C-alpha atoms as a PDB file:
ATOM      1  CA  MET A   1     102.840 -87.484 -78.621  1.00  0.00           C
ATOM      2  CA  SER A   2     105.497 -85.962 -80.218  1.00  0.00           C
ATOM      3  CA  GLU A   3     109.221 -86.600 -79.392  1.00  0.00           C
ATOM      4  CA  MET A   4     109.815 -82.880 -77.888  1.00  0.00           C
ATOM      5  CA  PRO A   5     111.424 -83.171 -74.396  1.00  0.00           C
ATOM      6  CA  PHE A   6     108.125 -81.754 -71.883  1.00  0.00           C
ATOM      7  CA  GLY A   7     110.308 -78.385 -70.841  1.00  0.00           C
ATOM      8  CA  SER A   8     111.342 -77.836 -74.165  1.00  0.00           C
ATOM      9  CA  TYR A   9     107.242 -78.419 -75.586  1.00  0.00           C
ATOM     10  CA  ILE A  10     106.179 -76.045 -71.369  1.00  0.00           C
ATOM     11  CA  ALA A  11     108.800 -72.670 -73.017  1.00  0.00           C
ATOM     12  CA  SER A  12     106.843 -73.285 -76.865  1.00  0.00           C
ATOM     13  CA  LEU A  13     103.908 -72.895 -75.782  1.00  0.00           C
ATOM     14  CA  ARG A  14     104.571 -70.271 -72.991  1.00  0.00           C
ATOM     15  CA  LYS A  15     106.582 -68.614 -76.347  1.00  0.00           C
ATOM     16  CA  LEU A  16     103.065 -69.340 -78.393  1.00  0.00           C
ATOM     17  CA  ARG A  17     101.738 -67.297 -75.317  1.00  0.00           C
ATOM     18  CA  GLY A  18     103.253 -64.241 -75.546  1.00  0.00           C
ATOM     19  CA  LYS A  19     104.941 -64.973 -71.994  1.00  0.00           C
ATOM     20  CA  THR A  20     108.456 -64.728 -70.670  1.00  0.00           C
ATOM     21  CA  GLN A  21     109.802 -67.103 -68.106  1.00  0.00           C
ATOM     22  CA  LYS A  22     109.417 -64.695 -65.434  1.00  0.00           C
ATOM     23  CA  ASP A  23     105.562 -64.435 -66.086  1.00  0.00           C
ATOM     24  CA  LEU A  24     105.486 -68.398 -65.827  1.00  0.00           C
ATOM     25  CA  ALA A  25     107.877 -68.147 -62.658  1.00  0.00           C
ATOM     26  CA  GLU A  26     105.017 -65.289 -61.652  1.00  0.00           C
ATOM     27  CA  ALA A  27     101.917 -67.206 -62.093  1.00  0.00           C
ATOM     28  CA  LEU A  28     104.063 -70.832 -60.324  1.00  0.00           C
ATOM     29  CA  HIS A  29     105.413 -68.828 -57.878  1.00  0.00           C
ATOM     30  CA  TYR A  30     108.794 -70.230 -58.827  1.00  0.00           C
ATOM     31  CA  THR A  31     111.479 -68.493 -59.241  1.00  0.00           C
ATOM     32  CA  PRO A  32     112.659 -67.495 -63.630  1.00  0.00           C
ATOM     33  CA  GLN A  33     115.604 -69.696 -62.832  1.00  0.00           C
ATOM     34  CA  ALA A  34     113.573 -72.655 -61.936  1.00  0.00           C
ATOM     35  CA  ILE A  35     111.490 -72.185 -65.292  1.00  0.00           C
ATOM     36  CA  SER A  36     115.308 -72.029 -67.473  1.00  0.00           C
ATOM     37  CA  LYS A  37     115.806 -74.949 -65.463  1.00  0.00           C
ATOM     38  CA  ILE A  38     112.321 -76.592 -66.319  1.00  0.00           C
ATOM     39  CA  GLU A  39     112.475 -75.767 -69.431  1.00  0.00           C
ATOM     40  CA  ARG A  40     116.024 -77.199 -70.164  1.00  0.00           C
ATOM     41  CA  GLY A  41     115.072 -80.648 -68.923  1.00  0.00           C
ATOM     42  CA  GLU A  42     117.411 -79.663 -66.220  1.00  0.00           C
ATOM     43  CA  GLY A  43     113.952 -79.739 -63.330  1.00  0.00           C
ATOM     44  CA  SER A  44     110.182 -81.226 -63.066  1.00  0.00           C
ATOM     45  CA  LEU A  45     106.958 -79.437 -61.861  1.00  0.00           C
ATOM     46  CA  PRO A  46     105.129 -81.375 -59.068  1.00  0.00           C
ATOM     47  CA  LEU A  47     101.457 -81.893 -60.627  1.00  0.00           C
ATOM     48  CA  ASP A  48     100.596 -79.190 -58.802  1.00  0.00           C
ATOM     49  CA  SER A  49     102.428 -77.298 -60.696  1.00  0.00           C
ATOM     50  CA  THR A  50     101.515 -78.285 -63.402  1.00  0.00           C
ATOM     51  CA  ILE A  51      97.999 -78.336 -63.377  1.00  0.00           C
ATOM     52  CA  GLU A  52      98.786 -74.270 -62.648  1.00  0.00           C
ATOM     53  CA  CYS A  53     101.189 -74.415 -65.462  1.00  0.00           C
ATOM     54  CA  CYS A  54      98.062 -75.562 -67.473  1.00  0.00           C
ATOM     55  CA  ARG A  55      95.558 -72.971 -66.703  1.00  0.00           C
ATOM     56  CA  TYR A  56      98.263 -69.910 -67.288  1.00  0.00           C
ATOM     57  CA  LEU A  57      98.919 -71.394 -70.798  1.00  0.00           C
ATOM     58  CA  ASP A  58      95.460 -72.333 -71.651  1.00  0.00           C
ATOM     59  CA  CYS A  59      95.972 -75.622 -72.608  1.00  0.00           C
ATOM     60  CA  SER A  60      94.418 -78.752 -70.604  1.00  0.00           C
ATOM     61  CA  LEU A  61      96.650 -81.552 -69.503  1.00  0.00           C
ATOM     62  CA  ASP A  62      96.418 -83.661 -71.520  1.00  0.00           C
ATOM     63  CA  SER A  63      97.588 -81.886 -73.889  1.00  0.00           C
ATOM     64  CA  LEU A  64     100.943 -81.230 -72.432  1.00  0.00           C
ATOM     65  CA  TYR A  65     101.039 -84.676 -71.434  1.00  0.00           C
ATOM     66  CA  GLN A  66     100.935 -86.010 -75.013  1.00  0.00           C
ATOM     67  CA  ARG A  67     102.791 -82.771 -76.545  1.00  0.00           C
ATOM     68  CA  GLU A  68      99.724 -82.053 -78.761  1.00  0.00           C
ATOM     69  CA  LEU A  69      99.500 -77.682 -79.493  1.00  0.00           C
ATOM     70  CA  PRO A  70      95.425 -77.047 -79.062  1.00  0.00           C
ATOM     71  CA  PRO A  71      93.634 -75.623 -82.091  1.00  0.00           C
ATOM     72  CA  ALA A  72      93.866 -71.772 -80.416  1.00  0.00           C
ATOM     73  CA  PHE A  73      97.245 -71.941 -79.849  1.00  0.00           C
ATOM     74  CA  PHE A  74      97.491 -72.169 -84.285  1.00  0.00           C
ATOM     75  CA  ASP A  75      95.534 -69.343 -84.320  1.00  0.00           C
ATOM     76  CA  GLU A  76      97.139 -66.796 -83.113  1.00  0.00           C
ATOM     77  CA  ALA A  77     100.347 -68.424 -84.393  1.00  0.00           C
ATOM     78  CA  LYS A  78      99.441 -67.545 -87.372  1.00  0.00           C
ATOM     79  CA  ASP A  79      98.674 -64.124 -86.963  1.00  0.00           C
ATOM     80  CA  HIS A  80     103.153 -63.900 -86.245  1.00  0.00           C
ATOM     81  CA  PHE A  81     104.222 -66.322 -88.491  1.00  0.00           C
ATOM     82  CA  ASP A  82     106.067 -65.231 -90.750  1.00  0.00           C
ATOM     83  CA  PRO A  83     106.954 -67.479 -94.251  1.00  0.00           C
ATOM     84  CA  ALA A  84     110.450 -65.395 -94.431  1.00  0.00           C
ATOM     85  CA  ALA A  85     112.002 -66.051 -91.397  1.00  0.00           C
ATOM     86  CA  LEU A  86     112.231 -69.823 -92.233  1.00  0.00           C
ATOM     87  CA  GLY A  87     113.717 -68.724 -96.066  1.00  0.00           C
ATOM     88  CA  GLU A  88     109.784 -69.441 -98.129  1.00  0.00           C
ATOM     89  CA  SER A  89     107.896 -66.911 -99.609  1.00  0.00           C
END
């Protein structure tokens, strides 16, 4: 399991999917401010909302709790990866 905080992991998955906090908030019936708090670790999602979050982000509950990126995310992300952004050539 990754050491990444749960909220940060949700933010990473959301960004990999090209979604905004507003998009996720609407899907979960939350405010963007509530999503921001969750992503900063200042709030949490109840189980039913966590399950809906998994559906929206197309990941399993297991992978979300273990902070594992599904292979599909790597396939999608590699098309948008810019090694120059990391200072690599």
